[in-house]
Amino acid sequence: MFELAEPFILAFIQIFVAVDVIGTIPLFVSLAEGTTRKQKSRIIRDSVTTATLVALIFMLVGKLILRAIGITIPDFQIAGGLLLFFISVRLILPGSQKHFLSEGNNRDVAVFPLATPLITGPAVLTTTLIMLDTFGLWPTFLALALNMIIVWVTLAKSDRLILVFGINGTRAFSKIMYILLAAIGVMMIRKGVMGMLP
């Protein structure tokens, strides 16, 4: 039974780390400040829907695009691993937080910066595409879908979570996620190098 669920579990964990929904909570709270409950619900719906669509489209056509321009999976693993590593290191360093300024209406905030790059950014796109090649379509699709449901529920309950964990608690948890993301980046580089060896 575990062998059947293992690809889904592994894909879910790595996408969960890349999404870093806990680290998004303080930013979401600040961006949605001053909005009504109805407006906040609309922001969550639009941001999660857009983030999911972006990830799904890239998951389905990203590999075709790479193949069309002659990029192999080991190439992408090494490049993606380097990208994940440098993104995570940049976010771990003091003073390097995901700050975004946004002007305009609530729908603009939902698409940018919430949907992308906060929820579905380069780390999620890279991880999803590599999970697709490693574990297949359905485990990756289900793992992505479950992660997006978790994002939806977490953002909807963000006020309560802030009260429980506090701003510093959510930031500390986010730092741990960045360390795991750096480790995943190193793992992807290792697999890419091994895949290029005869």
Protein backbone atom coordinates (compact mmCIF):
# COMPACT_ATOMS: atom_id res chain seq x y z
CA MET A 1 0.00 0.00 0.00
CA PHE A 2 2.79 2.40 0.93
CA GLU A 3 4.57 1.67 -2.37
CA LEU A 4 1.51 2.89 -4.28
CA ALA A 5 1.26 6.07 -2.20
CA GLU A 6 5.02 6.75 -2.05
CA PRO A 7 5.29 8.74 -5.35
CA PHE A 8 2.39 10.97 -4.27
CA ILE A 9 3.82 11.49 -0.77
CA LEU A 10 7.29 12.37 -2.06
CA ALA A 11 5.90 14.72 -4.72
CA PHE A 12 3.57 16.34 -2.16
CA ILE A 13 6.37 17.01 0.34
CA GLN A 14 8.67 18.62 -2.21
CA ILE A 15 5.91 20.80 -3.70
CA PHE A 16 4.78 21.75 -0.17
CA VAL A 17 8.29 22.93 0.67
CA ALA A 18 8.49 24.91 -2.59
CA VAL A 19 5.09 26.57 -2.06
CA ASP A 20 5.96 27.65 1.53
CA VAL A 21 2.40 28.63 2.42
CA ILE A 22 3.31 29.46 6.03
CA GLY A 23 5.86 32.01 4.84
CA THR A 24 3.20 33.59 2.64
CA ILE A 25 0.80 34.28 5.53
CA PRO A 26 2.39 37.53 6.83
CA LEU A 27 2.60 38.92 3.29
CA PHE A 28 -1.01 37.97 2.56
CA VAL A 29 -2.20 39.61 5.78
CA SER A 30 -0.36 42.85 4.93
CA LEU A 31 -1.60 42.89 1.32
CA ALA A 32 -5.21 42.18 2.33
CA GLU A 33 -5.20 44.70 5.17
CA GLY A 34 -8.20 47.02 5.12
CA THR A 35 -10.33 44.76 2.92
CA THR A 36 -13.72 43.39 3.85
CA ARG A 37 -14.35 39.68 4.46
CA LYS A 38 -15.97 39.38 1.02
CA GLN A 39 -13.04 41.12 -0.69
CA LYS A 40 -10.56 38.92 1.17
CA SER A 41 -12.43 35.79 0.06
CA ARG A 42 -12.29 37.03 -3.54
CA ILE A 43 -8.55 37.69 -3.27
CA ILE A 44 -7.96 34.15 -1.96
CA ARG A 45 -10.14 32.58 -4.66
CA ASP A 46 -8.54 34.53 -7.51
CA SER A 47 -4.97 34.07 -6.27
CA VAL A 48 -5.21 30.30 -5.67
CA THR A 49 -7.09 29.73 -8.95
CA THR A 50 -4.51 31.71 -10.93
CA ALA A 51 -1.58 30.04 -9.15
CA THR A 52 -3.04 26.58 -9.85
CA LEU A 53 -3.65 27.33 -13.53
CA VAL A 54 -0.11 28.70 -14.01
CA ALA A 55 1.39 25.59 -12.37
CA LEU A 56 -0.82 23.19 -14.36
CA ILE A 57 -0.12 24.87 -17.71
CA PHE A 58 3.63 24.83 -17.07
CA MET A 59 3.44 21.22 -15.90
CA LEU A 60 1.65 20.15 -19.10
CA VAL A 61 3.54 22.17 -21.73
CA GLY A 62 6.83 22.94 -19.99
CA LYS A 63 8.40 19.65 -20.98
CA LEU A 64 7.36 20.09 -24.62
CA ILE A 65 8.91 23.54 -24.68
CA LEU A 66 12.15 22.21 -23.20
CA ARG A 67 12.23 19.38 -25.73
CA ALA A 68 11.58 21.79 -28.61
CA ILE A 69 14.62 23.88 -27.69
CA GLY A 70 16.83 20.86 -27.01
CA ILE A 71 16.99 20.92 -23.22
CA THR A 72 17.21 17.47 -21.60
CA ILE A 73 15.77 16.53 -18.21
CA PRO A 74 19.27 16.32 -16.63
CA ASP A 75 19.94 19.83 -17.99
CA PHE A 76 16.73 21.06 -16.40
CA GLN A 77 17.44 19.26 -13.14
CA ILE A 78 20.83 20.94 -12.81
CA ALA A 79 19.50 24.37 -13.80
CA GLY A 80 16.41 23.98 -11.63
CA GLY A 81 18.48 22.73 -8.70
CA LEU A 82 20.82 25.72 -8.96
CA LEU A 83 17.83 28.06 -9.16
CA LEU A 84 16.16 26.51 -6.10
CA PHE A 85 19.43 26.62 -4.18
CA PHE A 86 20.14 30.28 -4.91
CA ILE A 87 16.53 31.32 -4.28
CA SER A 88 16.54 29.56 -0.91
CA VAL A 89 19.95 31.00 0.10
CA ARG A 90 18.80 34.50 -0.86
CA LEU A 91 15.68 34.13 1.28
CA ILE A 92 17.57 32.62 4.24
CA LEU A 93 20.01 35.54 4.49
CA PRO A 94 19.03 38.30 6.97
CA GLY A 95 17.04 41.10 5.41
CA SER A 96 16.19 39.11 2.29
CA GLN A 97 12.46 38.64 2.61
CA LYS A 98 9.86 38.38 -0.12
CA HIS A 99 8.78 42.05 -0.07
CA PHE A 100 6.44 43.17 -2.82
CA LEU A 101 4.76 46.49 -3.39
CA SER A 102 1.47 46.37 -5.15
CA GLU A 103 -0.89 49.10 -6.29
CA GLY A 104 -4.31 48.79 -7.82
CA ASN A 105 -7.46 46.85 -7.06
CA ASN A 106 -7.89 43.59 -5.19
CA ARG A 107 -7.85 41.50 -8.34
CA ASP A 108 -4.41 42.91 -9.22
CA VAL A 109 -3.14 41.96 -5.76
CA ALA A 110 -4.54 38.44 -6.20
CA VAL A 111 -2.69 37.88 -9.48
CA PHE A 112 0.50 39.75 -8.54
CA PRO A 113 2.20 39.29 -6.17
CA LEU A 114 0.03 36.61 -4.49
CA ALA A 115 -0.66 34.09 -7.27
CA THR A 116 2.74 34.60 -8.81
CA PRO A 117 5.45 34.73 -7.60
CA LEU A 118 4.36 34.17 -3.97
CA ILE A 119 2.28 30.98 -4.36
CA THR A 120 3.47 29.72 -7.74
CA GLY A 121 6.96 31.06 -8.29
CA PRO A 122 10.10 29.70 -9.97
CA ALA A 123 10.63 27.17 -7.18
CA VAL A 124 7.15 25.66 -7.60
CA LEU A 125 7.38 25.58 -11.40
CA THR A 126 10.79 23.93 -11.32
CA THR A 127 9.84 21.41 -8.64
CA THR A 128 6.53 20.51 -10.31
CA LEU A 129 8.14 19.82 -13.67
CA ILE A 130 10.84 17.64 -12.11
CA MET A 131 8.25 15.77 -10.00
CA LEU A 132 6.32 15.13 -13.21
CA ASP A 133 9.35 13.52 -14.81
CA THR A 134 10.27 11.61 -11.63
CA PHE A 135 6.90 10.34 -10.40
CA GLY A 136 4.53 10.74 -13.35
CA LEU A 137 1.42 12.78 -14.12
CA TRP A 138 -1.14 11.65 -11.55
CA PRO A 139 1.01 11.68 -8.40
CA THR A 140 2.29 15.15 -9.34
CA PHE A 141 -1.17 16.44 -10.28
CA LEU A 142 -2.74 15.16 -7.05
CA ALA A 143 0.17 16.50 -4.96
CA LEU A 144 -0.16 19.92 -6.61
CA ALA A 145 -3.95 19.95 -6.18
CA LEU A 146 -3.72 19.03 -2.48
CA ASN A 147 -1.09 21.71 -1.91
CA MET A 148 -3.31 24.34 -3.51
CA ILE A 149 -6.25 23.26 -1.31
CA ILE A 150 -3.96 23.66 1.70
CA VAL A 151 -2.98 27.15 0.47
CA TRP A 152 -6.67 28.08 0.13
CA VAL A 153 -7.56 26.87 3.64
CA THR A 154 -4.42 28.37 5.21
CA LEU A 155 -4.99 31.82 3.72
CA ALA A 156 -8.66 31.69 4.73
CA LYS A 157 -7.59 30.98 8.33
CA SER A 158 -4.53 33.25 8.23
CA ASP A 159 -5.74 35.61 10.98
CA ARG A 160 -6.12 32.72 13.43
CA LEU A 161 -2.76 31.22 12.45
CA ILE A 162 -1.02 34.55 13.03
CA LEU A 163 -2.54 34.62 16.53
CA VAL A 164 -1.32 31.07 17.23
CA PHE A 165 2.20 31.23 15.76
CA GLY A 166 2.82 34.97 15.73
CA ILE A 167 4.73 36.83 13.03
CA ASN A 168 8.10 35.61 14.31
CA GLY A 169 6.88 32.02 14.48
CA THR A 170 5.72 32.02 10.86
CA ARG A 171 9.02 33.59 9.77
CA ALA A 172 11.02 30.98 11.69
CA PHE A 173 9.03 28.16 10.08
CA SER A 174 9.60 29.78 6.70
CA LYS A 175 13.39 29.79 7.27
CA ILE A 176 13.25 26.03 7.92
CA MET A 177 11.38 25.59 4.64
CA TYR A 178 14.09 27.54 2.82
CA ILE A 179 16.78 25.24 4.24
CA LEU A 180 14.83 22.21 3.03
CA LEU A 181 14.40 23.91 -0.35
CA ALA A 182 18.17 24.40 -0.59
CA ALA A 183 18.66 20.69 0.17
CA ILE A 184 16.15 19.75 -2.54
CA GLY A 185 18.07 21.98 -4.96
CA VAL A 186 21.30 20.13 -4.15
CA MET A 187 19.51 16.80 -4.63
CA MET A 188 18.24 17.90 -8.07
CA ILE A 189 21.76 18.97 -9.10
CA ARG A 190 23.11 15.58 -7.98
CA LYS A 191 20.44 13.69 -9.94
CA GLY A 192 21.06 15.85 -13.00
CA VAL A 193 24.80 15.20 -12.90
CA MET A 194 24.22 11.46 -12.41
CA GLY A 195 21.80 11.50 -15.36
CA MET A 196 24.44 13.05 -17.63
CA LEU A 197 27.06 10.45 -16.76
CA PRO A 198 27.37 7.51 -19.16
